[in-house]
Amino acid sequence: MPSSRATARSERSAVYRYVASRDELLTLLIVDAYDEMGDRVDAAIAAAPAHPRKKLHAAADAVRDWALAEPSRYALLYGTPVPGYRAPADRTVEPGTRVVVALTVLLDSAFVEGRLPASDERLPRSVRQDMDAIRREYGITMPAPLLARGFTLWSSLFGAVSFDVFDQYGAQTLSDRRAFFSHQVDALADLVGLP
């Protein structure tokens, strides 16, 4: 019977019959994970009632549920970067931005429908320029301050999910993490002004 080390060596070399390198394998795994999470978010938004806050909750729950069911894959996307790996932008940017695009479309639609009030919040000049460039590139209607709040929503959502997935709260801190997460999503909805 071959040793486990010999078996591992042969299985590792067998992988390279199908992919050219470690980086190619990582890219395939990353794209697959982003697409699966994006599919879950898209389906959740489509199935949710036509109310912006409910759609946000559905999207956020889909991210959290997928991440908790797939912690290793979530860690590949949002955990410690793999040393020496540089994701090829031409293959990873589109799948990697599916969730933020879905959230942005949700907010922009709410703004266009008159359900998300405009903000006259002052932004640092560089932030306004960045937000305006993104608005032009993607045809976003909502003003720069709302888009900046959308970016805060996005990063905060993934921060909350990461705290849960990587058990940063500790085992005995929160008795009902789902209820706390729902509270966090409501706070983010309030931040951006969703009804």
Protein backbone atom coordinates (compact mmCIF):
# COMPACT_ATOMS: atom_id res chain seq x y z
CA MET A 1 0.00 0.00 0.00
CA PRO A 2 1.49 3.39 -0.97
CA SER A 3 2.15 5.95 1.74
CA SER A 4 -0.19 8.91 2.16
CA ARG A 5 2.66 11.22 1.09
CA ALA A 6 3.11 9.26 -2.16
CA THR A 7 -0.64 9.30 -2.72
CA ALA A 8 -0.76 13.04 -2.13
CA ARG A 9 2.12 13.56 -4.57
CA SER A 10 0.39 11.53 -7.26
CA GLU A 11 -2.95 13.28 -6.70
CA ARG A 12 -1.26 16.68 -6.78
CA SER A 13 0.49 15.86 -10.04
CA ALA A 14 -2.75 14.49 -11.49
CA VAL A 15 -4.36 17.90 -11.04
CA TYR A 16 -1.85 19.38 -13.48
CA ARG A 17 -3.21 17.17 -16.25
CA TYR A 18 -6.24 19.45 -16.17
CA VAL A 19 -4.74 22.84 -15.29
CA ALA A 20 -1.45 24.42 -16.29
CA SER A 21 -0.36 25.68 -12.88
CA ARG A 22 -1.22 26.40 -9.28
CA ASP A 23 -2.27 29.92 -10.29
CA GLU A 24 -4.60 28.59 -12.98
CA LEU A 25 -6.18 26.24 -10.43
CA LEU A 26 -6.62 29.10 -7.95
CA THR A 27 -8.20 31.27 -10.64
CA LEU A 28 -10.68 28.53 -11.54
CA LEU A 29 -11.59 28.01 -7.87
CA ILE A 30 -11.95 31.75 -7.25
CA VAL A 31 -14.11 32.39 -10.31
CA ASP A 32 -16.31 29.40 -9.46
CA ALA A 33 -16.79 30.62 -5.87
CA TYR A 34 -17.57 34.20 -6.92
CA ASP A 35 -20.06 32.95 -9.51
CA GLU A 36 -21.80 30.62 -7.08
CA MET A 37 -22.14 33.36 -4.46
CA GLY A 38 -23.27 35.82 -7.16
CA ASP A 39 -25.89 33.35 -8.39
CA ARG A 40 -27.26 33.01 -4.85
CA VAL A 41 -27.45 36.78 -4.41
CA ASP A 42 -29.11 37.32 -7.80
CA ALA A 43 -31.69 34.61 -7.06
CA ALA A 44 -32.39 36.03 -3.58
CA ILE A 45 -32.93 39.55 -4.91
CA ALA A 46 -35.20 38.28 -7.70
CA ALA A 47 -37.31 36.26 -5.23
CA ALA A 48 -37.61 39.04 -2.62
CA PRO A 49 -40.63 41.34 -2.40
CA ALA A 50 -40.36 44.56 -4.42
CA HIS A 51 -39.18 46.61 -1.47
CA PRO A 52 -35.57 47.88 -1.34
CA ARG A 53 -34.90 47.03 2.31
CA LYS A 54 -36.31 43.52 1.90
CA LYS A 55 -34.19 43.02 -1.22
CA LEU A 56 -31.12 44.20 0.70
CA HIS A 57 -31.87 41.74 3.51
CA ALA A 58 -32.33 38.94 0.96
CA ALA A 59 -29.00 39.75 -0.71
CA ALA A 60 -27.17 40.03 2.61
CA ASP A 61 -28.65 36.77 3.90
CA ALA A 62 -27.64 35.04 0.67
CA VAL A 63 -24.02 36.18 1.11
CA ARG A 64 -23.96 35.14 4.77
CA ASP A 65 -25.66 31.78 4.18
CA TRP A 66 -23.31 30.92 1.32
CA ALA A 67 -20.25 31.99 3.33
CA LEU A 68 -21.26 29.93 6.37
CA ALA A 69 -21.96 26.90 4.16
CA GLU A 70 -18.68 27.37 2.25
CA PRO A 71 -16.19 28.81 4.76
CA SER A 72 -13.10 27.56 2.93
CA ARG A 73 -14.26 29.01 -0.37
CA TYR A 74 -15.25 32.26 1.33
CA ALA A 75 -11.78 32.39 2.92
CA LEU A 76 -10.22 31.95 -0.52
CA LEU A 77 -12.11 35.06 -1.66
CA TYR A 78 -11.98 37.26 1.45
CA GLY A 79 -9.37 35.74 3.74
CA THR A 80 -5.60 36.01 3.75
CA PRO A 81 -4.27 36.43 0.20
CA VAL A 82 -2.44 33.42 -1.24
CA PRO A 83 1.28 34.27 -1.28
CA GLY A 84 2.59 34.93 -4.78
CA TYR A 85 -0.82 34.73 -6.46
CA ARG A 86 -2.00 37.64 -8.60
CA ALA A 87 -5.55 37.21 -9.84
CA PRO A 88 -5.85 37.88 -13.57
CA ALA A 89 -8.18 40.87 -13.79
CA ASP A 90 -9.56 39.83 -17.18
CA ARG A 91 -10.98 36.67 -15.59
CA THR A 92 -11.77 37.66 -12.00
CA VAL A 93 -13.04 41.25 -11.95
CA GLU A 94 -16.45 40.54 -13.47
CA PRO A 95 -17.30 37.56 -11.23
CA GLY A 96 -15.63 39.26 -8.27
CA THR A 97 -17.83 42.33 -8.53
CA ARG A 98 -21.18 40.60 -9.05
CA VAL A 99 -22.38 41.20 -5.51
CA VAL A 100 -21.33 44.87 -5.39
CA VAL A 101 -22.94 45.39 -8.80
CA ALA A 102 -26.16 43.78 -7.54
CA LEU A 103 -26.14 46.01 -4.45
CA THR A 104 -25.42 49.10 -6.57
CA VAL A 105 -28.26 48.26 -8.97
CA LEU A 106 -30.57 47.79 -5.98
CA LEU A 107 -29.65 51.22 -4.56
CA ASP A 108 -29.69 52.97 -7.94
CA SER A 109 -33.12 51.51 -8.75
CA ALA A 110 -34.44 52.70 -5.39
CA PHE A 111 -33.08 56.18 -6.14
CA VAL A 112 -34.61 56.27 -9.64
CA GLU A 113 -37.97 55.11 -8.20
CA GLY A 114 -37.87 57.93 -5.64
CA ARG A 115 -37.52 55.53 -2.71
CA LEU A 116 -33.98 56.58 -1.80
CA PRO A 117 -33.59 60.29 -1.10
CA ALA A 118 -30.68 62.23 -2.53
CA SER A 119 -27.93 63.25 -0.16
CA ASP A 120 -26.15 66.58 -0.12
CA GLU A 121 -23.37 65.12 2.02
CA ARG A 122 -20.00 66.69 1.34
CA LEU A 123 -17.34 64.26 0.20
CA PRO A 124 -13.59 64.77 0.11
CA ARG A 125 -12.70 65.92 -3.41
CA SER A 126 -10.78 62.74 -4.27
CA VAL A 127 -13.69 60.55 -3.10
CA ARG A 128 -16.18 62.59 -5.13
CA GLN A 129 -13.95 62.29 -8.21
CA ASP A 130 -13.71 58.52 -7.74
CA MET A 131 -17.47 58.16 -7.27
CA ASP A 132 -18.20 60.39 -10.27
CA ALA A 133 -15.83 58.33 -12.43
CA ILE A 134 -17.60 55.13 -11.37
CA ARG A 135 -21.01 56.73 -11.99
CA ARG A 136 -19.99 57.70 -15.53
CA GLU A 137 -18.38 54.33 -16.31
CA TYR A 138 -21.40 52.30 -15.20
CA GLY A 139 -24.25 54.72 -15.95
CA ILE A 140 -25.25 55.07 -12.30
CA THR A 141 -27.94 57.69 -11.65
CA MET A 142 -27.69 58.15 -7.89
CA PRO A 143 -25.43 61.00 -6.77
CA ALA A 144 -21.86 60.48 -5.59
CA PRO A 145 -22.66 60.69 -1.84
CA LEU A 146 -25.17 57.83 -2.13
CA LEU A 147 -22.73 55.74 -4.13
CA ALA A 148 -20.08 56.36 -1.45
CA ARG A 149 -22.56 55.17 1.17
CA GLY A 150 -23.19 52.14 -1.04
CA PHE A 151 -19.47 51.38 -0.92
CA THR A 152 -19.63 51.61 2.87
CA LEU A 153 -22.60 49.24 2.85
CA TRP A 154 -20.66 46.78 0.67
CA SER A 155 -17.49 46.76 2.78
CA SER A 156 -19.45 46.68 6.05
CA LEU A 157 -21.60 43.78 4.85
CA PHE A 158 -18.55 41.69 4.05
CA GLY A 159 -16.90 42.75 7.31
CA ALA A 160 -19.94 41.50 9.24
CA VAL A 161 -19.98 38.23 7.29
CA SER A 162 -16.24 37.75 7.83
CA PHE A 163 -16.61 38.29 11.58
CA ASP A 164 -19.25 35.55 11.61
CA VAL A 165 -17.48 33.08 9.31
CA PHE A 166 -14.11 33.44 11.04
CA ASP A 167 -15.72 33.39 14.53
CA GLN A 168 -14.35 36.79 15.50
CA TYR A 169 -17.21 37.40 17.94
CA GLY A 170 -16.21 34.44 20.08
CA ALA A 171 -18.33 31.44 20.90
CA GLN A 172 -20.33 32.98 23.78
CA THR A 173 -20.69 36.64 22.81
CA LEU A 174 -23.86 36.52 20.71
CA SER A 175 -26.67 34.06 21.42
CA ASP A 176 -28.35 34.65 18.04
CA ARG A 177 -25.92 35.69 15.33
CA ARG A 178 -28.60 35.71 12.64
CA ALA A 179 -30.66 38.23 14.61
CA PHE A 180 -27.56 40.37 15.16
CA PHE A 181 -26.72 40.19 11.46
CA SER A 182 -30.26 41.31 10.59
CA HIS A 183 -29.78 44.25 12.96
CA GLN A 184 -26.50 45.11 11.19
CA VAL A 185 -28.21 45.02 7.79
CA ASP A 186 -30.95 47.33 9.09
CA ALA A 187 -28.28 49.74 10.37
CA LEU A 188 -26.64 49.71 6.92
CA ALA A 189 -30.01 50.26 5.23
CA ASP A 190 -30.54 53.24 7.54
CA LEU A 191 -27.08 54.55 6.67
CA VAL A 192 -27.86 54.64 2.95
CA GLY A 193 -31.44 55.84 3.55
CA LEU A 194 -33.42 52.82 2.35
CA PRO A 195 -37.06 52.84 3.43
